[in-house]
C-alpha atoms as a PDB file:
ATOM      1  CA  UNK A   1      44.729 -10.873 -45.496  1.00  0.00           C
ATOM      2  CA  UNK A   2      44.202  -7.171 -46.158  1.00  0.00           C
ATOM      3  CA  UNK A   3      42.541  -6.487 -42.833  1.00  0.00           C
ATOM      4  CA  UNK A   4      40.182  -3.462 -44.712  1.00  0.00           C
ATOM      5  CA  UNK A   5      38.912  -5.829 -47.619  1.00  0.00           C
ATOM      6  CA  UNK A   6      37.690  -7.761 -44.354  1.00  0.00           C
ATOM      7  CA  UNK A   7      36.077  -5.039 -42.986  1.00  0.00           C
ATOM      8  CA  UNK A   8      34.398  -3.904 -46.741  1.00  0.00           C
ATOM      9  CA  UNK A   9      32.958  -7.393 -47.053  1.00  0.00           C
ATOM     10  CA  UNK A  10      31.504  -7.198 -43.405  1.00  0.00           C
ATOM     11  CA  UNK A  11      29.665  -3.490 -44.435  1.00  0.00           C
ATOM     12  CA  UNK A  12      28.525  -4.849 -47.702  1.00  0.00           C
ATOM     13  CA  UNK A  13      24.426  -5.090 -47.836  1.00  0.00           C
ATOM     14  CA  UNK A  14      25.096  -8.317 -48.974  1.00  0.00           C
ATOM     15  CA  UNK A  15      26.586  -9.702 -46.108  1.00  0.00           C
ATOM     16  CA  UNK A  16      23.800 -12.357 -45.296  1.00  0.00           C
ATOM     17  CA  UNK A  17      22.992 -11.061 -41.964  1.00  0.00           C
ATOM     18  CA  UNK A  18      18.744 -11.224 -42.889  1.00  0.00           C
ATOM     19  CA  UNK A  19      18.469  -7.342 -42.829  1.00  0.00           C
ATOM     20  CA  UNK A  20      16.880  -7.524 -46.403  1.00  0.00           C
ATOM     21  CA  UNK A  21      13.906  -8.949 -44.419  1.00  0.00           C
ATOM     22  CA  UNK A  22      13.092  -5.955 -41.728  1.00  0.00           C
ATOM     23  CA  UNK A  23      11.669  -2.133 -42.781  1.00  0.00           C
ATOM     24  CA  UNK A  24      11.968  -1.954 -38.849  1.00  0.00           C
ATOM     25  CA  UNK A  25       8.199   0.263 -39.106  1.00  0.00           C
ATOM     26  CA  UNK A  26       9.084   1.737 -42.535  1.00  0.00           C
ATOM     27  CA  UNK A  27       6.573  -0.365 -44.415  1.00  0.00           C
ATOM     28  CA  UNK A  28       3.756   1.124 -42.374  1.00  0.00           C
ATOM     29  CA  UNK A  29       4.285   4.311 -43.397  1.00  0.00           C
ATOM     30  CA  UNK A  30       4.430   3.270 -47.078  1.00  0.00           C
ATOM     31  CA  UNK A  31       1.410   1.290 -46.770  1.00  0.00           C
ATOM     32  CA  UNK A  32      -0.267   4.290 -45.390  1.00  0.00           C
ATOM     33  CA  UNK A  33       0.863   6.285 -48.202  1.00  0.00           C
ATOM     34  CA  UNK A  34       3.716   8.562 -45.811  1.00  0.00           C
ATOM     35  CA  UNK A  35       6.611   7.344 -47.873  1.00  0.00           C
ATOM     36  CA  UNK A  36       5.539   7.319 -51.303  1.00  0.00           C
ATOM     37  CA  UNK A  37       8.383   8.459 -53.282  1.00  0.00           C
ATOM     38  CA  UNK A  38      11.863   8.908 -53.786  1.00  0.00           C
ATOM     39  CA  UNK A  39      11.387  12.367 -51.916  1.00  0.00           C
ATOM     40  CA  UNK A  40       9.445  11.176 -48.478  1.00  0.00           C
ATOM     41  CA  UNK A  41      11.918   7.819 -48.449  1.00  0.00           C
ATOM     42  CA  UNK A  42      14.758  10.255 -47.645  1.00  0.00           C
ATOM     43  CA  UNK A  43      13.014  12.763 -45.541  1.00  0.00           C
ATOM     44  CA  UNK A  44      11.890  10.246 -43.638  1.00  0.00           C
ATOM     45  CA  UNK A  45      15.754   8.124 -43.785  1.00  0.00           C
ATOM     46  CA  UNK A  46      17.042  11.430 -42.267  1.00  0.00           C
ATOM     47  CA  UNK A  47      14.513  11.696 -39.277  1.00  0.00           C
ATOM     48  CA  UNK A  48      15.144   7.632 -38.688  1.00  0.00           C
ATOM     49  CA  UNK A  49      18.978   8.227 -39.077  1.00  0.00           C
ATOM     50  CA  UNK A  50      19.134  11.258 -36.282  1.00  0.00           C
ATOM     51  CA  UNK A  51      17.098   9.583 -34.043  1.00  0.00           C
ATOM     52  CA  UNK A  52      16.641   5.853 -33.833  1.00  0.00           C
ATOM     53  CA  UNK A  53      19.883   4.366 -34.998  1.00  0.00           C
ATOM     54  CA  UNK A  54      21.597   7.271 -34.094  1.00  0.00           C
ATOM     55  CA  UNK A  55      21.081   6.648 -30.580  1.00  0.00           C
ATOM     56  CA  UNK A  56      20.477   2.957 -30.507  1.00  0.00           C
ATOM     57  CA  UNK A  57      22.627   1.677 -33.587  1.00  0.00           C
ATOM     58  CA  UNK A  58      25.799   4.670 -33.122  1.00  0.00           C
ATOM     59  CA  UNK A  59      25.923   4.915 -29.404  1.00  0.00           C
ATOM     60  CA  UNK A  60      25.477   0.895 -29.118  1.00  0.00           C
ATOM     61  CA  UNK A  61      28.294   0.230 -31.671  1.00  0.00           C
ATOM     62  CA  UNK A  62      30.475   3.409 -29.549  1.00  0.00           C
ATOM     63  CA  UNK A  63      29.503   1.441 -25.980  1.00  0.00           C
ATOM     64  CA  UNK A  64      30.576  -1.843 -27.330  1.00  0.00           C
ATOM     65  CA  UNK A  65      34.004  -1.334 -29.114  1.00  0.00           C
ATOM     66  CA  UNK A  66      35.095   0.344 -25.867  1.00  0.00           C
ATOM     67  CA  UNK A  67      34.010  -2.034 -23.628  1.00  0.00           C
ATOM     68  CA  UNK A  68      36.109  -3.855 -25.660  1.00  0.00           C
ATOM     69  CA  UNK A  69      39.040  -1.747 -26.091  1.00  0.00           C
ATOM     70  CA  UNK A  70      38.617  -1.770 -21.974  1.00  0.00           C
ATOM     71  CA  UNK A  71      38.621  -5.661 -21.694  1.00  0.00           C
ATOM     72  CA  UNK A  72      35.362  -5.572 -20.366  1.00  0.00           C
ATOM     73  CA  UNK A  73      33.398  -8.231 -22.177  1.00  0.00           C
ATOM     74  CA  UNK A  74      31.098  -8.204 -18.987  1.00  0.00           C
ATOM     75  CA  UNK A  75      30.138  -5.145 -19.926  1.00  0.00           C
ATOM     76  CA  UNK A  76      29.188  -5.905 -23.425  1.00  0.00           C
ATOM     77  CA  UNK A  77      26.841  -8.637 -22.134  1.00  0.00           C
ATOM     78  CA  UNK A  78      24.748  -5.713 -20.050  1.00  0.00           C
ATOM     79  CA  UNK A  79      24.817  -3.696 -22.953  1.00  0.00           C
ATOM     80  CA  UNK A  80      23.530  -6.493 -24.983  1.00  0.00           C
ATOM     81  CA  UNK A  81      20.627  -6.817 -22.061  1.00  0.00           C
ATOM     82  CA  UNK A  82      19.730  -3.493 -22.405  1.00  0.00           C
ATOM     83  CA  UNK A  83      19.119  -3.390 -25.274  1.00  0.00           C
ATOM     84  CA  UNK A  84      17.032  -5.334 -25.060  1.00  0.00           C
ATOM     85  CA  UNK A  85      14.795  -4.276 -22.849  1.00  0.00           C
ATOM     86  CA  UNK A  86      14.973  -0.710 -24.699  1.00  0.00           C
ATOM     87  CA  UNK A  87      12.998  -2.080 -27.516  1.00  0.00           C
ATOM     88  CA  UNK A  88       9.511  -1.794 -27.006  1.00  0.00           C
ATOM     89  CA  UNK A  89       7.822  -3.388 -30.503  1.00  0.00           C
ATOM     90  CA  UNK A  90       7.789  -7.124 -30.571  1.00  0.00           C
ATOM     91  CA  UNK A  91       8.522  -7.625 -34.636  1.00  0.00           C
ATOM     92  CA  UNK A  92      11.620  -5.037 -34.280  1.00  0.00           C
ATOM     93  CA  UNK A  93      13.200  -6.620 -30.992  1.00  0.00           C
ATOM     94  CA  UNK A  94      12.954 -10.400 -32.592  1.00  0.00           C
ATOM     95  CA  UNK A  95      13.928  -9.209 -36.009  1.00  0.00           C
ATOM     96  CA  UNK A  96      17.072  -7.100 -34.240  1.00  0.00           C
ATOM     97  CA  UNK A  97      17.834 -10.623 -32.081  1.00  0.00           C
ATOM     98  CA  UNK A  98      17.434 -12.573 -35.174  1.00  0.00           C
ATOM     99  CA  UNK A  99      20.023 -10.274 -37.345  1.00  0.00           C
ATOM    100  CA  UNK A 100      22.277 -10.883 -34.458  1.00  0.00           C
ATOM    101  CA  UNK A 101      22.514 -13.972 -33.403  1.00  0.00           C
ATOM    102  CA  UNK A 102      23.032 -14.155 -37.599  1.00  0.00           C
ATOM    103  CA  UNK A 103      25.764 -11.794 -37.646  1.00  0.00           C
ATOM    104  CA  UNK A 104      27.565 -13.379 -35.134  1.00  0.00           C
ATOM    105  CA  UNK A 105      27.224 -17.023 -36.270  1.00  0.00           C
ATOM    106  CA  UNK A 106      28.636 -15.795 -39.814  1.00  0.00           C
ATOM    107  CA  UNK A 107      31.614 -13.677 -38.604  1.00  0.00           C
ATOM    108  CA  UNK A 108      32.574 -16.523 -35.649  1.00  0.00           C
ATOM    109  CA  UNK A 109      32.950 -19.053 -38.986  1.00  0.00           C
ATOM    110  CA  UNK A 110      35.005 -15.949 -41.306  1.00  0.00           C
ATOM    111  CA  UNK A 111      37.301 -14.957 -38.141  1.00  0.00           C
ATOM    112  CA  UNK A 112      39.401 -15.918 -35.367  1.00  0.00           C
ATOM    113  CA  UNK A 113      38.068 -14.235 -32.909  1.00  0.00           C
ATOM    114  CA  UNK A 114      37.683 -15.548 -29.201  1.00  0.00           C
ATOM    115  CA  UNK A 115      35.141 -12.866 -28.224  1.00  0.00           C
ATOM    116  CA  UNK A 116      32.583 -13.005 -31.334  1.00  0.00           C
ATOM    117  CA  UNK A 117      32.930 -17.302 -30.173  1.00  0.00           C
ATOM    118  CA  UNK A 118      32.796 -16.233 -26.711  1.00  0.00           C
ATOM    119  CA  UNK A 119      29.742 -14.023 -27.909  1.00  0.00           C
ATOM    120  CA  UNK A 120      28.004 -15.822 -29.994  1.00  0.00           C
ATOM    121  CA  UNK A 121      28.319 -18.848 -27.307  1.00  0.00           C
ATOM    122  CA  UNK A 122      26.374 -16.505 -24.844  1.00  0.00           C
ATOM    123  CA  UNK A 123      23.796 -16.234 -27.558  1.00  0.00           C
ATOM    124  CA  UNK A 124      23.060 -19.602 -27.531  1.00  0.00           C
ATOM    125  CA  UNK A 125      22.817 -20.397 -24.334  1.00  0.00           C
ATOM    126  CA  UNK A 126      20.373 -17.806 -23.882  1.00  0.00           C
ATOM    127  CA  UNK A 127      22.705 -15.152 -21.639  1.00  0.00           C
ATOM    128  CA  UNK A 128      22.179 -12.902 -24.347  1.00  0.00           C
ATOM    129  CA  UNK A 129      19.632 -12.091 -27.081  1.00  0.00           C
ATOM    130  CA  UNK A 130      22.503 -10.644 -29.653  1.00  0.00           C
ATOM    131  CA  UNK A 131      22.512  -7.098 -30.991  1.00  0.00           C
ATOM    132  CA  UNK A 132      23.590  -6.078 -34.540  1.00  0.00           C
ATOM    133  CA  UNK A 133      25.450  -3.031 -33.130  1.00  0.00           C
ATOM    134  CA  UNK A 134      27.301  -5.430 -30.531  1.00  0.00           C
ATOM    135  CA  UNK A 135      28.374  -7.666 -33.418  1.00  0.00           C
ATOM    136  CA  UNK A 136      29.533  -5.398 -35.563  1.00  0.00           C
ATOM    137  CA  UNK A 137      31.576  -3.694 -32.926  1.00  0.00           C
ATOM    138  CA  UNK A 138      33.199  -6.988 -31.885  1.00  0.00           C
ATOM    139  CA  UNK A 139      34.510  -7.609 -35.758  1.00  0.00           C
ATOM    140  CA  UNK A 140      35.228  -4.113 -36.400  1.00  0.00           C
ATOM    141  CA  UNK A 141      37.681  -4.124 -33.268  1.00  0.00           C
ATOM    142  CA  UNK A 142      39.012  -7.796 -34.185  1.00  0.00           C
ATOM    143  CA  UNK A 143      39.681  -6.275 -38.244  1.00  0.00           C
ATOM    144  CA  UNK A 144      40.994  -3.304 -36.034  1.00  0.00           C
ATOM    145  CA  UNK A 145      39.076  -0.706 -37.660  1.00  0.00           C
ATOM    146  CA  UNK A 146      39.110   2.606 -36.238  1.00  0.00           C
ATOM    147  CA  UNK A 147      35.859   3.246 -33.772  1.00  0.00           C
ATOM    148  CA  UNK A 148      34.594   5.818 -35.330  1.00  0.00           C
ATOM    149  CA  UNK A 149      35.116   4.814 -38.884  1.00  0.00           C
ATOM    150  CA  UNK A 150      33.573   1.826 -37.495  1.00  0.00           C
ATOM    151  CA  UNK A 151      30.525   3.234 -36.123  1.00  0.00           C
ATOM    152  CA  UNK A 152      29.999   5.293 -39.572  1.00  0.00           C
ATOM    153  CA  UNK A 153      30.577   1.831 -41.577  1.00  0.00           C
ATOM    154  CA  UNK A 154      27.670  -0.170 -39.305  1.00  0.00           C
ATOM    155  CA  UNK A 155      24.838   3.015 -40.131  1.00  0.00           C
ATOM    156  CA  UNK A 156      26.165   3.208 -43.858  1.00  0.00           C
ATOM    157  CA  UNK A 157      25.354  -0.654 -43.589  1.00  0.00           C
ATOM    158  CA  UNK A 158      22.197  -0.290 -42.088  1.00  0.00           C
ATOM    159  CA  UNK A 159      20.934   2.644 -44.087  1.00  0.00           C
ATOM    160  CA  UNK A 160      22.468   0.907 -47.410  1.00  0.00           C
ATOM    161  CA  UNK A 161      20.243  -2.307 -46.178  1.00  0.00           C
ATOM    162  CA  UNK A 162      16.915  -0.218 -45.467  1.00  0.00           C
ATOM    163  CA  UNK A 163      17.264   1.848 -49.013  1.00  0.00           C
ATOM    164  CA  UNK A 164      17.418  -1.250 -51.078  1.00  0.00           C
ATOM    165  CA  UNK A 165      14.450  -2.553 -49.034  1.00  0.00           C
ATOM    166  CA  UNK A 166      12.858   0.337 -50.174  1.00  0.00           C
ATOM    167  CA  UNK A 167      13.445   0.040 -53.252  1.00  0.00           C
ATOM    168  CA  UNK A 168      11.486  -3.273 -53.570  1.00  0.00           C
ATOM    169  CA  UNK A 169       8.700  -1.516 -51.568  1.00  0.00           C
ATOM    170  CA  UNK A 170       7.859   2.125 -52.892  1.00  0.00           C
ATOM    171  CA  UNK A 171       9.308   1.093 -55.557  1.00  0.00           C
ATOM    172  CA  UNK A 172      11.659   3.452 -56.368  1.00  0.00           C
ATOM    173  CA  UNK A 173      14.422   3.167 -59.417  1.00  0.00           C
ATOM    174  CA  UNK A 174      17.791   1.727 -58.623  1.00  0.00           C
ATOM    175  CA  UNK A 175      19.407   5.267 -59.644  1.00  0.00           C
ATOM    176  CA  UNK A 176      17.380   6.927 -57.350  1.00  0.00           C
ATOM    177  CA  UNK A 177      18.156   4.402 -54.384  1.00  0.00           C
ATOM    178  CA  UNK A 178      21.799   5.253 -54.937  1.00  0.00           C
ATOM    179  CA  UNK A 179      21.221   9.105 -55.394  1.00  0.00           C
ATOM    180  CA  UNK A 180      19.514   9.173 -51.846  1.00  0.00           C
ATOM    181  CA  UNK A 181      22.202   7.112 -50.391  1.00  0.00           C
ATOM    182  CA  UNK A 182      24.840   9.225 -51.871  1.00  0.00           C
ATOM    183  CA  UNK A 183      22.801  12.382 -50.553  1.00  0.00           C
ATOM    184  CA  UNK A 184      22.901  10.439 -47.148  1.00  0.00           C
ATOM    185  CA  UNK A 185      26.690   9.765 -46.545  1.00  0.00           C
ATOM    186  CA  UNK A 186      27.896  13.223 -45.098  1.00  0.00           C
ATOM    187  CA  UNK A 187      24.487  12.439 -42.153  1.00  0.00           C
ATOM    188  CA  UNK A 188      25.834   9.383 -42.021  1.00  0.00           C
ATOM    189  CA  UNK A 189      29.747  10.669 -41.016  1.00  0.00           C
ATOM    190  CA  UNK A 190      27.873  14.103 -38.587  1.00  0.00           C
ATOM    191  CA  UNK A 191      25.807  10.500 -36.506  1.00  0.00           C
ATOM    192  CA  UNK A 192      29.152   8.861 -36.304  1.00  0.00           C
ATOM    193  CA  UNK A 193      31.163  11.697 -35.329  1.00  0.00           C
ATOM    194  CA  UNK A 194      28.088  12.820 -33.008  1.00  0.00           C
ATOM    195  CA  UNK A 195      28.066   9.326 -31.413  1.00  0.00           C
ATOM    196  CA  UNK A 196      31.537   9.947 -29.563  1.00  0.00           C
ATOM    197  CA  UNK A 197      30.088  12.737 -27.499  1.00  0.00           C
ATOM    198  CA  UNK A 198      26.812  11.254 -26.786  1.00  0.00           C
ATOM    199  CA  UNK A 199      25.919  10.733 -23.049  1.00  0.00           C
ATOM    200  CA  UNK A 200      25.380   6.648 -22.180  1.00  0.00           C
ATOM    201  CA  UNK A 201      22.015   7.429 -20.317  1.00  0.00           C
ATOM    202  CA  UNK A 202      21.006   8.743 -24.073  1.00  0.00           C
ATOM    203  CA  UNK A 203      21.071   5.183 -24.871  1.00  0.00           C
ATOM    204  CA  UNK A 204      17.882   4.232 -26.503  1.00  0.00           C
ATOM    205  CA  UNK A 205      16.428   7.414 -26.898  1.00  0.00           C
ATOM    206  CA  UNK A 206      13.307   6.953 -30.501  1.00  0.00           C
ATOM    207  CA  UNK A 207      10.602   8.174 -31.498  1.00  0.00           C
ATOM    208  CA  UNK A 208       7.156   7.253 -30.102  1.00  0.00           C
ATOM    209  CA  UNK A 209       5.579   7.629 -33.457  1.00  0.00           C
ATOM    210  CA  UNK A 210       8.156   5.187 -34.893  1.00  0.00           C
ATOM    211  CA  UNK A 211       7.370   3.060 -32.334  1.00  0.00           C
ATOM    212  CA  UNK A 212       3.747   3.144 -32.980  1.00  0.00           C
ATOM    213  CA  UNK A 213       4.421   2.263 -36.598  1.00  0.00           C
ATOM    214  CA  UNK A 214       6.669  -0.905 -35.506  1.00  0.00           C
ATOM    215  CA  UNK A 215       4.157  -1.906 -33.361  1.00  0.00           C
ATOM    216  CA  UNK A 216       0.867  -1.154 -36.390  1.00  0.00           C
ATOM    217  CA  UNK A 217       2.901  -3.443 -38.652  1.00  0.00           C
ATOM    218  CA  UNK A 218       2.101  -6.853 -37.394  1.00  0.00           C
ATOM    219  CA  UNK A 219      -1.317  -5.982 -38.112  1.00  0.00           C
ATOM    220  CA  UNK A 220      -0.859  -4.873 -41.610  1.00  0.00           C
ATOM    221  CA  UNK A 221      -2.537  -6.720 -44.087  1.00  0.00           C
ATOM    222  CA  UNK A 222       0.026  -7.289 -46.794  1.00  0.00           C
ATOM    223  CA  UNK A 223       4.022  -6.999 -45.844  1.00  0.00           C
ATOM    224  CA  UNK A 224       6.749  -7.858 -47.752  1.00  0.00           C
ATOM    225  CA  UNK A 225       9.006  -7.556 -44.691  1.00  0.00           C
ATOM    226  CA  UNK A 226       9.171  -9.029 -41.155  1.00  0.00           C
ATOM    227  CA  UNK A 227       9.532  -5.248 -39.404  1.00  0.00           C
END
């Protein structure tokens, strides 16, 4: 089996993790009219990526990967607990947990990895909640992916899912979606490279306005997404 092909499968936006059901607060901005076309959506994505994704998804993936390399599975557990505590909006916290658990179950079924199985069993025992960044790091390490490439791929996967959700919600044309994905690729790599230099205590830095939008999402009268 070609490890790269397996890694590409993991990064595919069609990988059935459940991410297609979540906007993580962006739907609030769409409903209120702040995001209404390709330009406003791309601008919002750049802010979202540079803050929320950089200091949560990217940094968490790096820290988890390093803990796995150092054979410190207890550190992986601690990281999971910390990520749960840092997620304030209920819908975002629950959505992330569901995606993480679903990813862990899928990866356990797909890959012969004792660490993924150990993590999934910890989720089932409710010792941890499950987080996509940790699952991605476990799978990427199992597939022998480079750490920085794994971070970039994790970001790409998340960005691709949000773009596909925006195509449905705004709506956007498929060509606009692909143009945005292409234009965001340099930023994905920039964040992945920057994540290598981030301090651990920067984990969870976010935008208060986005967190408020995520909290307000559950009160919207019409919703396409669970978060």
